[in-house]
PDB file of N, CA and C in Angstrom:
ATOM      1  N   UNK A   1     -67.806 -17.047 -22.787  1.00  0.00           N
ATOM      2  CA  UNK A   1     -68.936 -16.146 -22.694  1.00  0.00           C
ATOM      3  C   UNK A   1     -68.499 -14.695 -22.884  1.00  0.00           C
ATOM      4  N   UNK A   2     -67.387 -14.319 -22.255  1.00  0.00           N
ATOM      5  CA  UNK A   2     -66.908 -12.944 -22.361  1.00  0.00           C
ATOM      6  C   UNK A   2     -66.544 -12.615 -23.801  1.00  0.00           C
ATOM      7  N   UNK A   3     -65.858 -13.559 -24.467  1.00  0.00           N
ATOM      8  CA  UNK A   3     -65.466 -13.314 -25.846  1.00  0.00           C
ATOM      9  C   UNK A   3     -66.677 -13.197 -26.764  1.00  0.00           C
ATOM     10  N   UNK A   4     -67.700 -13.979 -26.496  1.00  0.00           N
ATOM     11  CA  UNK A   4     -68.918 -13.901 -27.309  1.00  0.00           C
ATOM     12  C   UNK A   4     -69.578 -12.534 -27.151  1.00  0.00           C
ATOM     13  N   UNK A   5     -69.615 -12.021 -25.914  1.00  0.00           N
ATOM     14  CA  UNK A   5     -70.185 -10.695 -25.682  1.00  0.00           C
ATOM     15  C   UNK A   5     -69.346  -9.618 -26.370  1.00  0.00           C
ATOM     16  N   UNK A   6     -68.042  -9.743 -26.257  1.00  0.00           N
ATOM     17  CA  UNK A   6     -67.157  -8.767 -26.885  1.00  0.00           C
ATOM     18  C   UNK A   6     -67.327  -8.791 -28.400  1.00  0.00           C
ATOM     19  N   UNK A   7     -67.409  -9.994 -28.969  1.00  0.00           N
ATOM     20  CA  UNK A   7     -67.585 -10.107 -30.413  1.00  0.00           C
ATOM     21  C   UNK A   7     -68.926  -9.520 -30.847  1.00  0.00           C
ATOM     22  N   UNK A   8     -69.968  -9.798 -30.085  1.00  0.00           N
ATOM     23  CA  UNK A   8     -71.289  -9.261 -30.405  1.00  0.00           C
ATOM     24  C   UNK A   8     -71.291  -7.746 -30.404  1.00  0.00           C
ATOM     25  N   UNK A   9     -70.657  -7.164 -29.412  1.00  0.00           N
ATOM     26  CA  UNK A   9     -70.592  -5.699 -29.350  1.00  0.00           C
ATOM     27  C   UNK A   9     -69.709  -5.142 -30.464  1.00  0.00           C
ATOM     28  N   UNK A  10     -68.630  -5.851 -30.762  1.00  0.00           N
ATOM     29  CA  UNK A  10     -67.762  -5.411 -31.856  1.00  0.00           C
ATOM     30  C   UNK A  10     -68.516  -5.461 -33.188  1.00  0.00           C
ATOM     31  N   UNK A  11     -69.237  -6.553 -33.438  1.00  0.00           N
ATOM     32  CA  UNK A  11     -70.000  -6.692 -34.678  1.00  0.00           C
ATOM     33  C   UNK A  11     -71.062  -5.588 -34.774  1.00  0.00           C
ATOM     34  N   UNK A  12     -71.728  -5.309 -33.674  1.00  0.00           N
ATOM     35  CA  UNK A  12     -72.727  -4.247 -33.632  1.00  0.00           C
ATOM     36  C   UNK A  12     -72.082  -2.894 -33.945  1.00  0.00           C
ATOM     37  N   UNK A  13     -70.922  -2.652 -33.403  1.00  0.00           N
ATOM     38  CA  UNK A  13     -70.198  -1.400 -33.647  1.00  0.00           C
ATOM     39  C   UNK A  13     -69.796  -1.263 -35.113  1.00  0.00           C
ATOM     40  N   UNK A  14     -69.211  -2.318 -35.681  1.00  0.00           N
ATOM     41  CA  UNK A  14     -68.743  -2.261 -37.067  1.00  0.00           C
ATOM     42  C   UNK A  14     -69.924  -2.162 -38.031  1.00  0.00           C
ATOM     43  N   UNK A  15     -70.954  -2.945 -37.811  1.00  0.00           N
ATOM     44  CA  UNK A  15     -72.088  -2.947 -38.742  1.00  0.00           C
ATOM     45  C   UNK A  15     -72.870  -1.637 -38.706  1.00  0.00           C
ATOM     46  N   UNK A  16     -72.738  -0.876 -37.624  1.00  0.00           N
ATOM     47  CA  UNK A  16     -73.435   0.413 -37.542  1.00  0.00           C
ATOM     48  C   UNK A  16     -72.549   1.570 -37.992  1.00  0.00           C
ATOM     49  N   UNK A  17     -71.407   1.257 -38.589  1.00  0.00           N
ATOM     50  CA  UNK A  17     -70.443   2.278 -39.037  1.00  0.00           C
ATOM     51  C   UNK A  17     -69.992   3.154 -37.871  1.00  0.00           C
ATOM     52  N   UNK A  18     -69.893   2.568 -36.694  1.00  0.00           N
ATOM     53  CA  UNK A  18     -69.383   3.285 -35.530  1.00  0.00           C
ATOM     54  C   UNK A  18     -70.422   4.050 -34.742  1.00  0.00           C
ATOM     55  N   UNK A  19     -71.692   3.965 -35.136  1.00  0.00           N
ATOM     56  CA  UNK A  19     -72.721   4.725 -34.426  1.00  0.00           C
ATOM     57  C   UNK A  19     -73.121   4.071 -33.109  1.00  0.00           C
ATOM     58  N   UNK A  20     -73.091   2.754 -33.041  1.00  0.00           N
ATOM     59  CA  UNK A  20     -73.466   2.042 -31.809  1.00  0.00           C
ATOM     60  C   UNK A  20     -72.221   1.717 -30.989  1.00  0.00           C
ATOM     61  N   UNK A  21     -71.593   2.726 -30.465  1.00  0.00           N
ATOM     62  CA  UNK A  21     -70.379   2.525 -29.683  1.00  0.00           C
ATOM     63  C   UNK A  21     -70.727   2.355 -28.212  1.00  0.00           C
ATOM     64  N   UNK A  22     -70.216   1.287 -27.618  1.00  0.00           N
ATOM     65  CA  UNK A  22     -70.366   1.050 -26.193  1.00  0.00           C
ATOM     66  C   UNK A  22     -69.014   1.334 -25.542  1.00  0.00           C
ATOM     67  N   UNK A  23     -68.936   2.317 -24.666  1.00  0.00           N
ATOM     68  CA  UNK A  23     -67.641   2.631 -24.050  1.00  0.00           C
ATOM     69  C   UNK A  23     -67.018   1.407 -23.387  1.00  0.00           C
ATOM     70  N   UNK A  24     -65.758   1.226 -23.647  1.00  0.00           N
ATOM     71  CA  UNK A  24     -64.931   0.143 -23.093  1.00  0.00           C
ATOM     72  C   UNK A  24     -65.470  -1.248 -23.404  1.00  0.00           C
ATOM     73  N   UNK A  25     -66.132  -1.425 -24.556  1.00  0.00           N
ATOM     74  CA  UNK A  25     -66.704  -2.736 -24.865  1.00  0.00           C
ATOM     75  C   UNK A  25     -65.631  -3.793 -25.072  1.00  0.00           C
ATOM     76  N   UNK A  26     -64.431  -3.392 -25.409  1.00  0.00           N
ATOM     77  CA  UNK A  26     -63.374  -4.380 -25.615  1.00  0.00           C
ATOM     78  C   UNK A  26     -62.727  -4.837 -24.315  1.00  0.00           C
ATOM     79  N   UNK A  27     -63.003  -4.152 -23.221  1.00  0.00           N
ATOM     80  CA  UNK A  27     -62.323  -4.503 -21.980  1.00  0.00           C
ATOM     81  C   UNK A  27     -63.271  -4.943 -20.869  1.00  0.00           C
ATOM     82  N   UNK A  28     -64.559  -4.946 -21.116  1.00  0.00           N
ATOM     83  CA  UNK A  28     -65.479  -5.318 -20.057  1.00  0.00           C
ATOM     84  C   UNK A  28     -65.278  -6.772 -19.661  1.00  0.00           C
ATOM     85  N   UNK A  29     -64.999  -6.980 -18.396  1.00  0.00           N
ATOM     86  CA  UNK A  29     -64.835  -8.321 -17.879  1.00  0.00           C
ATOM     87  C   UNK A  29     -63.515  -8.968 -18.254  1.00  0.00           C
ATOM     88  N   UNK A  30     -62.650  -8.243 -18.868  1.00  0.00           N
ATOM     89  CA  UNK A  30     -61.407  -8.849 -19.326  1.00  0.00           C
ATOM     90  C   UNK A  30     -60.324  -7.786 -19.350  1.00  0.00           C
ATOM     91  N   UNK A  31     -59.174  -8.122 -18.821  1.00  0.00           N
ATOM     92  CA  UNK A  31     -58.032  -7.218 -18.909  1.00  0.00           C
ATOM     93  C   UNK A  31     -56.873  -7.992 -19.524  1.00  0.00           C
ATOM     94  N   UNK A  32     -55.928  -7.275 -20.020  1.00  0.00           N
ATOM     95  CA  UNK A  32     -54.776  -7.909 -20.659  1.00  0.00           C
ATOM     96  C   UNK A  32     -53.719  -8.182 -19.599  1.00  0.00           C
ATOM     97  N   UNK A  33     -53.529  -9.426 -19.288  1.00  0.00           N
ATOM     98  CA  UNK A  33     -52.589  -9.840 -18.250  1.00  0.00           C
ATOM     99  C   UNK A  33     -51.434 -10.547 -18.905  1.00  0.00           C
ATOM    100  N   UNK A  34     -50.229 -10.166 -18.715  1.00  0.00           N
ATOM    101  CA  UNK A  34     -49.742  -8.973 -18.019  1.00  0.00           C
ATOM    102  C   UNK A  34     -49.673  -7.794 -18.976  1.00  0.00           C
ATOM    103  N   UNK A  35     -49.364  -6.641 -18.442  1.00  0.00           N
ATOM    104  CA  UNK A  35     -49.199  -5.459 -19.280  1.00  0.00           C
ATOM    105  C   UNK A  35     -47.803  -5.483 -19.881  1.00  0.00           C
ATOM    106  N   UNK A  36     -47.718  -5.837 -21.145  1.00  0.00           N
ATOM    107  CA  UNK A  36     -46.413  -5.854 -21.800  1.00  0.00           C
ATOM    108  C   UNK A  36     -45.963  -4.454 -22.179  1.00  0.00           C
ATOM    109  N   UNK A  37     -46.897  -3.504 -22.236  1.00  0.00           N
ATOM    110  CA  UNK A  37     -46.490  -2.113 -22.458  1.00  0.00           C
ATOM    111  C   UNK A  37     -45.624  -1.642 -21.297  1.00  0.00           C
ATOM    112  N   UNK A  38     -46.089  -1.868 -20.086  1.00  0.00           N
ATOM    113  CA  UNK A  38     -45.315  -1.435 -18.922  1.00  0.00           C
ATOM    114  C   UNK A  38     -44.081  -2.322 -18.761  1.00  0.00           C
ATOM    115  N   UNK A  39     -44.179  -3.591 -19.178  1.00  0.00           N
ATOM    116  CA  UNK A  39     -43.009  -4.472 -19.135  1.00  0.00           C
ATOM    117  C   UNK A  39     -41.904  -3.976 -20.045  1.00  0.00           C
ATOM    118  N   UNK A  40     -42.269  -3.607 -21.280  1.00  0.00           N
ATOM    119  CA  UNK A  40     -41.270  -3.045 -22.205  1.00  0.00           C
ATOM    120  C   UNK A  40     -40.688  -1.754 -21.663  1.00  0.00           C
ATOM    121  N   UNK A  41     -41.535  -0.902 -21.123  1.00  0.00           N
ATOM    122  CA  UNK A  41     -41.055   0.360 -20.563  1.00  0.00           C
ATOM    123  C   UNK A  41     -40.103   0.095 -19.392  1.00  0.00           C
ATOM    124  N   UNK A  42     -40.390  -0.925 -18.604  1.00  0.00           N
ATOM    125  CA  UNK A  42     -39.515  -1.268 -17.471  1.00  0.00           C
ATOM    126  C   UNK A  42     -38.160  -1.769 -17.955  1.00  0.00           C
ATOM    127  N   UNK A  43     -38.152  -2.560 -19.013  1.00  0.00           N
ATOM    128  CA  UNK A  43     -36.873  -3.043 -19.557  1.00  0.00           C
ATOM    129  C   UNK A  43     -36.042  -1.867 -20.070  1.00  0.00           C
ATOM    130  N   UNK A  44     -36.659  -0.983 -20.835  1.00  0.00           N
ATOM    131  CA  UNK A  44     -35.924   0.178 -21.338  1.00  0.00           C
ATOM    132  C   UNK A  44     -35.426   1.047 -20.178  1.00  0.00           C
ATOM    133  N   UNK A  45     -36.262   1.232 -19.170  1.00  0.00           N
ATOM    134  CA  UNK A  45     -35.867   2.051 -18.026  1.00  0.00           C
ATOM    135  C   UNK A  45     -34.713   1.409 -17.272  1.00  0.00           C
ATOM    136  N   UNK A  46     -34.722   0.088 -17.161  1.00  0.00           N
ATOM    137  CA  UNK A  46     -33.602  -0.595 -16.511  1.00  0.00           C
ATOM    138  C   UNK A  46     -32.291  -0.312 -17.247  1.00  0.00           C
ATOM    139  N   UNK A  47     -32.304  -0.432 -18.573  1.00  0.00           N
ATOM    140  CA  UNK A  47     -31.071  -0.210 -19.325  1.00  0.00           C
ATOM    141  C   UNK A  47     -30.650   1.257 -19.301  1.00  0.00           C
ATOM    142  N   UNK A  48     -31.609   2.158 -19.260  1.00  0.00           N
ATOM    143  CA  UNK A  48     -31.266   3.572 -19.097  1.00  0.00           C
ATOM    144  C   UNK A  48     -30.637   3.792 -17.725  1.00  0.00           C
ATOM    145  N   UNK A  49     -31.219   3.188 -16.700  1.00  0.00           N
ATOM    146  CA  UNK A  49     -30.667   3.308 -15.346  1.00  0.00           C
ATOM    147  C   UNK A  49     -29.244   2.756 -15.303  1.00  0.00           C
ATOM    148  N   UNK A  50     -29.013   1.667 -16.005  1.00  0.00           N
ATOM    149  CA  UNK A  50     -27.701   1.030 -15.977  1.00  0.00           C
ATOM    150  C   UNK A  50     -26.664   1.798 -16.795  1.00  0.00           C
ATOM    151  N   UNK A  51     -27.063   2.350 -17.930  1.00  0.00           N
ATOM    152  CA  UNK A  51     -26.075   2.890 -18.863  1.00  0.00           C
ATOM    153  C   UNK A  51     -26.116   4.408 -19.056  1.00  0.00           C
ATOM    154  N   UNK A  52     -27.249   5.015 -18.985  1.00  0.00           N
ATOM    155  CA  UNK A  52     -27.389   6.453 -19.296  1.00  0.00           C
ATOM    156  C   UNK A  52     -28.251   7.139 -18.248  1.00  0.00           C
ATOM    157  N   UNK A  53     -27.758   7.234 -17.038  1.00  0.00           N
ATOM    158  CA  UNK A  53     -28.589   7.712 -15.927  1.00  0.00           C
ATOM    159  C   UNK A  53     -29.118   9.125 -16.089  1.00  0.00           C
ATOM    160  N   UNK A  54     -28.477   9.933 -16.892  1.00  0.00           N
ATOM    161  CA  UNK A  54     -28.976  11.304 -17.043  1.00  0.00           C
ATOM    162  C   UNK A  54     -30.348  11.328 -17.719  1.00  0.00           C
ATOM    163  N   UNK A  55     -30.700  10.285 -18.462  1.00  0.00           N
ATOM    164  CA  UNK A  55     -31.995  10.189 -19.120  1.00  0.00           C
ATOM    165  C   UNK A  55     -33.061   9.545 -18.241  1.00  0.00           C
ATOM    166  N   UNK A  56     -32.673   9.076 -17.054  1.00  0.00           N
ATOM    167  CA  UNK A  56     -33.606   8.333 -16.193  1.00  0.00           C
ATOM    168  C   UNK A  56     -34.869   9.118 -15.839  1.00  0.00           C
ATOM    169  N   UNK A  57     -34.786  10.399 -15.471  1.00  0.00           N
ATOM    170  CA  UNK A  57     -36.037  11.115 -15.149  1.00  0.00           C
ATOM    171  C   UNK A  57     -37.049  11.105 -16.298  1.00  0.00           C
ATOM    172  N   UNK A  58     -36.566  11.262 -17.515  1.00  0.00           N
ATOM    173  CA  UNK A  58     -37.462  11.227 -18.671  1.00  0.00           C
ATOM    174  C   UNK A  58     -38.134   9.863 -18.805  1.00  0.00           C
ATOM    175  N   UNK A  59     -37.365   8.807 -18.673  1.00  0.00           N
ATOM    176  CA  UNK A  59     -37.924   7.462 -18.809  1.00  0.00           C
ATOM    177  C   UNK A  59     -38.886   7.134 -17.670  1.00  0.00           C
ATOM    178  N   UNK A  60     -38.598   7.620 -16.477  1.00  0.00           N
ATOM    179  CA  UNK A  60     -39.530   7.399 -15.367  1.00  0.00           C
ATOM    180  C   UNK A  60     -40.859   8.121 -15.622  1.00  0.00           C
ATOM    181  N   UNK A  61     -40.777   9.314 -16.215  1.00  0.00           N
ATOM    182  CA  UNK A  61     -42.013  10.025 -16.559  1.00  0.00           C
ATOM    183  C   UNK A  61     -42.791   9.260 -17.627  1.00  0.00           C
ATOM    184  N   UNK A  62     -42.100   8.703 -18.617  1.00  0.00           N
ATOM    185  CA  UNK A  62     -42.768   7.921 -19.660  1.00  0.00           C
ATOM    186  C   UNK A  62     -43.428   6.689 -19.042  1.00  0.00           C
ATOM    187  N   UNK A  63     -42.704   6.003 -18.148  1.00  0.00           N
ATOM    188  CA  UNK A  63     -43.293   4.832 -17.466  1.00  0.00           C
ATOM    189  C   UNK A  63     -44.526   5.230 -16.665  1.00  0.00           C
ATOM    190  N   UNK A  64     -44.436   6.341 -15.971  1.00  0.00           N
ATOM    191  CA  UNK A  64     -45.586   6.822 -15.203  1.00  0.00           C
ATOM    192  C   UNK A  64     -46.764   7.137 -16.103  1.00  0.00           C
ATOM    193  N   UNK A  65     -46.492   7.750 -17.246  1.00  0.00           N
ATOM    194  CA  UNK A  65     -47.559   8.052 -18.199  1.00  0.00           C
ATOM    195  C   UNK A  65     -48.200   6.773 -18.729  1.00  0.00           C
ATOM    196  N   UNK A  66     -47.372   5.806 -19.105  1.00  0.00           N
ATOM    197  CA  UNK A  66     -47.896   4.545 -19.644  1.00  0.00           C
ATOM    198  C   UNK A  66     -48.770   3.849 -18.606  1.00  0.00           C
ATOM    199  N   UNK A  67     -48.298   3.816 -17.362  1.00  0.00           N
ATOM    200  CA  UNK A  67     -49.066   3.160 -16.293  1.00  0.00           C
ATOM    201  C   UNK A  67     -50.387   3.891 -16.055  1.00  0.00           C
ATOM    202  N   UNK A  68     -50.329   5.208 -15.981  1.00  0.00           N
ATOM    203  CA  UNK A  68     -51.540   5.997 -15.744  1.00  0.00           C
ATOM    204  C   UNK A  68     -52.533   5.832 -16.890  1.00  0.00           C
ATOM    205  N   UNK A  69     -52.029   5.896 -18.114  1.00  0.00           N
ATOM    206  CA  UNK A  69     -52.891   5.744 -19.287  1.00  0.00           C
ATOM    207  C   UNK A  69     -53.544   4.371 -19.326  1.00  0.00           C
ATOM    208  N   UNK A  70     -52.779   3.332 -18.999  1.00  0.00           N
ATOM    209  CA  UNK A  70     -53.322   1.969 -19.032  1.00  0.00           C
ATOM    210  C   UNK A  70     -54.434   1.794 -18.005  1.00  0.00           C
ATOM    211  N   UNK A  71     -54.262   2.395 -16.844  1.00  0.00           N
ATOM    212  CA  UNK A  71     -55.296   2.301 -15.808  1.00  0.00           C
ATOM    213  C   UNK A  71     -56.493   3.198 -16.131  1.00  0.00           C
ATOM    214  N   UNK A  72     -56.214   4.396 -16.590  1.00  0.00           N
ATOM    215  CA  UNK A  72     -57.288   5.356 -16.866  1.00  0.00           C
ATOM    216  C   UNK A  72     -58.206   4.872 -17.984  1.00  0.00           C
ATOM    217  N   UNK A  73     -57.619   4.317 -19.034  1.00  0.00           N
ATOM    218  CA  UNK A  73     -58.434   3.836 -20.148  1.00  0.00           C
ATOM    219  C   UNK A  73     -59.040   2.462 -19.882  1.00  0.00           C
ATOM    220  N   UNK A  74     -58.703   1.891 -18.743  1.00  0.00           N
ATOM    221  CA  UNK A  74     -59.210   0.590 -18.294  1.00  0.00           C
ATOM    222  C   UNK A  74     -58.809  -0.559 -19.206  1.00  0.00           C
ATOM    223  N   UNK A  75     -57.667  -0.396 -19.878  1.00  0.00           N
ATOM    224  CA  UNK A  75     -57.136  -1.520 -20.634  1.00  0.00           C
ATOM    225  C   UNK A  75     -56.414  -2.490 -19.714  1.00  0.00           C
ATOM    226  N   UNK A  76     -56.042  -2.025 -18.520  1.00  0.00           N
ATOM    227  CA  UNK A  76     -55.353  -2.885 -17.549  1.00  0.00           C
ATOM    228  C   UNK A  76     -55.851  -2.597 -16.148  1.00  0.00           C
ATOM    229  N   UNK A  77     -55.783  -3.648 -15.328  1.00  0.00           N
ATOM    230  CA  UNK A  77     -55.944  -3.483 -13.893  1.00  0.00           C
ATOM    231  C   UNK A  77     -54.563  -3.253 -13.305  1.00  0.00           C
ATOM    232  N   UNK A  78     -54.527  -2.790 -12.053  1.00  0.00           N
ATOM    233  CA  UNK A  78     -53.245  -2.510 -11.405  1.00  0.00           C
ATOM    234  C   UNK A  78     -52.375  -3.764 -11.329  1.00  0.00           C
ATOM    235  N   UNK A  79     -52.990  -4.893 -11.073  1.00  0.00           N
ATOM    236  CA  UNK A  79     -52.234  -6.152 -10.966  1.00  0.00           C
ATOM    237  C   UNK A  79     -51.551  -6.494 -12.300  1.00  0.00           C
ATOM    238  N   UNK A  80     -52.157  -6.118 -13.418  1.00  0.00           N
ATOM    239  CA  UNK A  80     -51.548  -6.351 -14.730  1.00  0.00           C
ATOM    240  C   UNK A  80     -50.220  -5.615 -14.851  1.00  0.00           C
ATOM    241  N   UNK A  81     -50.178  -4.402 -14.300  1.00  0.00           N
ATOM    242  CA  UNK A  81     -48.947  -3.613 -14.342  1.00  0.00           C
ATOM    243  C   UNK A  81     -47.860  -4.250 -13.491  1.00  0.00           C
ATOM    244  N   UNK A  82     -48.248  -4.707 -12.313  1.00  0.00           N
ATOM    245  CA  UNK A  82     -47.274  -5.347 -11.411  1.00  0.00           C
ATOM    246  C   UNK A  82     -46.689  -6.588 -12.078  1.00  0.00           C
ATOM    247  N   UNK A  83     -47.542  -7.417 -12.643  1.00  0.00           N
ATOM    248  CA  UNK A  83     -47.070  -8.639 -13.297  1.00  0.00           C
ATOM    249  C   UNK A  83     -46.235  -8.295 -14.533  1.00  0.00           C
ATOM    250  N   UNK A  84     -46.573  -7.227 -15.247  1.00  0.00           N
ATOM    251  CA  UNK A  84     -45.769  -6.793 -16.383  1.00  0.00           C
ATOM    252  C   UNK A  84     -44.352  -6.429 -15.974  1.00  0.00           C
ATOM    253  N   UNK A  85     -44.220  -5.738 -14.840  1.00  0.00           N
ATOM    254  CA  UNK A  85     -42.889  -5.390 -14.327  1.00  0.00           C
ATOM    255  C   UNK A  85     -42.152  -6.655 -13.875  1.00  0.00           C
ATOM    256  N   UNK A  86     -42.866  -7.580 -13.266  1.00  0.00           N
ATOM    257  CA  UNK A  86     -42.236  -8.845 -12.847  1.00  0.00           C
ATOM    258  C   UNK A  86     -41.750  -9.644 -14.055  1.00  0.00           C
ATOM    259  N   UNK A  87     -42.538  -9.697 -15.103  1.00  0.00           N
ATOM    260  CA  UNK A  87     -42.120 -10.394 -16.324  1.00  0.00           C
ATOM    261  C   UNK A  87     -40.871  -9.732 -16.899  1.00  0.00           C
ATOM    262  N   UNK A  88     -40.826  -8.411 -16.876  1.00  0.00           N
ATOM    263  CA  UNK A  88     -39.649  -7.685 -17.357  1.00  0.00           C
ATOM    264  C   UNK A  88     -38.426  -8.025 -16.511  1.00  0.00           C
ATOM    265  N   UNK A  89     -38.597  -8.085 -15.195  1.00  0.00           N
ATOM    266  CA  UNK A  89     -37.474  -8.416 -14.316  1.00  0.00           C
ATOM    267  C   UNK A  89     -36.962  -9.829 -14.587  1.00  0.00           C
ATOM    268  N   UNK A  90     -37.863 -10.758 -14.775  1.00  0.00           N
ATOM    269  CA  UNK A  90     -37.457 -12.136 -15.086  1.00  0.00           C
ATOM    270  C   UNK A  90     -36.726 -12.182 -16.423  1.00  0.00           C
ATOM    271  N   UNK A  91     -37.216 -11.446 -17.414  1.00  0.00           N
ATOM    272  CA  UNK A  91     -36.567 -11.420 -18.728  1.00  0.00           C
ATOM    273  C   UNK A  91     -35.160 -10.839 -18.635  1.00  0.00           C
ATOM    274  N   UNK A  92     -34.994  -9.790 -17.854  1.00  0.00           N
ATOM    275  CA  UNK A  92     -33.667  -9.184 -17.679  1.00  0.00           C
ATOM    276  C   UNK A  92     -32.720 -10.165 -17.008  1.00  0.00           C
ATOM    277  N   UNK A  93     -33.182 -10.817 -15.954  1.00  0.00           N
ATOM    278  CA  UNK A  93     -32.336 -11.782 -15.233  1.00  0.00           C
ATOM    279  C   UNK A  93     -31.954 -12.940 -16.143  1.00  0.00           C
ATOM    280  N   UNK A  94     -32.926 -13.484 -16.862  1.00  0.00           N
ATOM    281  CA  UNK A  94     -32.633 -14.595 -17.781  1.00  0.00           C
ATOM    282  C   UNK A  94     -31.661 -14.174 -18.876  1.00  0.00           C
ATOM    283  N   UNK A  95     -31.850 -12.989 -19.423  1.00  0.00           N
ATOM    284  CA  UNK A  95     -30.954 -12.504 -20.476  1.00  0.00           C
ATOM    285  C   UNK A  95     -29.533 -12.351 -19.946  1.00  0.00           C
ATOM    286  N   UNK A  96     -29.390 -11.852 -18.735  1.00  0.00           N
ATOM    287  CA  UNK A  96     -28.058 -11.695 -18.155  1.00  0.00           C
ATOM    288  C   UNK A  96     -27.421 -13.061 -17.886  1.00  0.00           C
ATOM    289  N   UNK A  97     -28.191 -14.005 -17.380  1.00  0.00           N
ATOM    290  CA  UNK A  97     -27.667 -15.358 -17.136  1.00  0.00           C
ATOM    291  C   UNK A  97     -27.244 -16.020 -18.442  1.00  0.00           C
ATOM    292  N   UNK A  98     -28.062 -15.895 -19.475  1.00  0.00           N
ATOM    293  CA  UNK A  98     -27.712 -16.467 -20.766  1.00  0.00           C
ATOM    294  C   UNK A  98     -26.468 -15.808 -21.355  1.00  0.00           C
ATOM    295  N   UNK A  99     -26.343 -14.507 -21.168  1.00  0.00           N
ATOM    296  CA  UNK A  99     -25.170 -13.808 -21.675  1.00  0.00           C
ATOM    297  C   UNK A  99     -23.905 -14.299 -20.973  1.00  0.00           C
ATOM    298  N   UNK A 100     -23.961 -14.446 -19.658  1.00  0.00           N
ATOM    299  CA  UNK A 100     -22.802 -14.946 -18.897  1.00  0.00           C
ATOM    300  C   UNK A 100     -22.468 -16.362 -19.343  1.00  0.00           C
ATOM    301  N   UNK A 101     -23.479 -17.219 -19.473  1.00  0.00           N
ATOM    302  CA  UNK A 101     -23.252 -18.596 -19.907  1.00  0.00           C
ATOM    303  C   UNK A 101     -22.635 -18.624 -21.299  1.00  0.00           C
ATOM    304  N   UNK A 102     -23.186 -17.842 -22.215  1.00  0.00           N
ATOM    305  CA  UNK A 102     -22.666 -17.796 -23.585  1.00  0.00           C
ATOM    306  C   UNK A 102     -21.231 -17.287 -23.599  1.00  0.00           C
ATOM    307  N   UNK A 103     -20.955 -16.261 -22.836  1.00  0.00           N
ATOM    308  CA  UNK A 103     -19.614 -15.691 -22.787  1.00  0.00           C
ATOM    309  C   UNK A 103     -18.614 -16.705 -22.234  1.00  0.00           C
ATOM    310  N   UNK A 104     -19.009 -17.447 -21.213  1.00  0.00           N
ATOM    311  CA  UNK A 104     -18.111 -18.467 -20.640  1.00  0.00           C
ATOM    312  C   UNK A 104     -17.849 -19.596 -21.632  1.00  0.00           C
ATOM    313  N   UNK A 105     -18.901 -20.068 -22.301  1.00  0.00           N
ATOM    314  CA  UNK A 105     -18.706 -21.175 -23.240  1.00  0.00           C
ATOM    315  C   UNK A 105     -17.897 -20.722 -24.455  1.00  0.00           C
ATOM    316  N   UNK A 106     -18.102 -19.501 -24.890  1.00  0.00           N
ATOM    317  CA  UNK A 106     -17.343 -18.969 -26.010  1.00  0.00           C
ATOM    318  C   UNK A 106     -15.871 -18.788 -25.627  1.00  0.00           C
ATOM    319  N   UNK A 107     -15.654 -18.294 -24.435  1.00  0.00           N
ATOM    320  CA  UNK A 107     -14.298 -18.069 -23.927  1.00  0.00           C
ATOM    321  C   UNK A 107     -13.599 -19.412 -23.705  1.00  0.00           C
ATOM    322  N   UNK A 108     -14.351 -20.398 -23.253  1.00  0.00           N
ATOM    323  CA  UNK A 108     -13.784 -21.706 -22.941  1.00  0.00           C
ATOM    324  C   UNK A 108     -13.335 -22.425 -24.229  1.00  0.00           C
ATOM    325  N   UNK A 109     -14.097 -22.239 -25.313  1.00  0.00           N
ATOM    326  CA  UNK A 109     -13.752 -22.878 -26.591  1.00  0.00           C
ATOM    327  C   UNK A 109     -12.455 -22.333 -27.167  1.00  0.00           C
ATOM    328  N   UNK A 110     -12.204 -21.061 -26.960  1.00  0.00           N
ATOM    329  CA  UNK A 110     -11.019 -20.420 -27.549  1.00  0.00           C
ATOM    330  C   UNK A 110      -9.787 -20.566 -26.684  1.00  0.00           C
ATOM    331  N   UNK A 111      -9.912 -21.141 -25.520  1.00  0.00           N
ATOM    332  CA  UNK A 111      -8.744 -21.295 -24.625  1.00  0.00           C
ATOM    333  C   UNK A 111      -7.953 -22.536 -24.932  1.00  0.00           C
TER     334      UNK A 111
END
């Protein structure tokens, strides 16, 4: 039902050459779960924190801007941001585990 309403409003907008614009018609009743924008920003911020700490304040400001913009424009709910950060944390942990496993198996083959 939500997608049908969104499509109807989108079709109305396009067919009117942009004159029949309904504010936030693409997000009414639906948010993008999780926020991969904030997830990507969290991954980059993690690596900056780990490797180049002098740049951390800049990246934290960018993350804050992305989070504020996502909430202000109503493309995301707050919970979407939290889950986006959690997805980023899981991705970082999995990547580190895979790297350790790969390094051990590679090292073991050459021994």
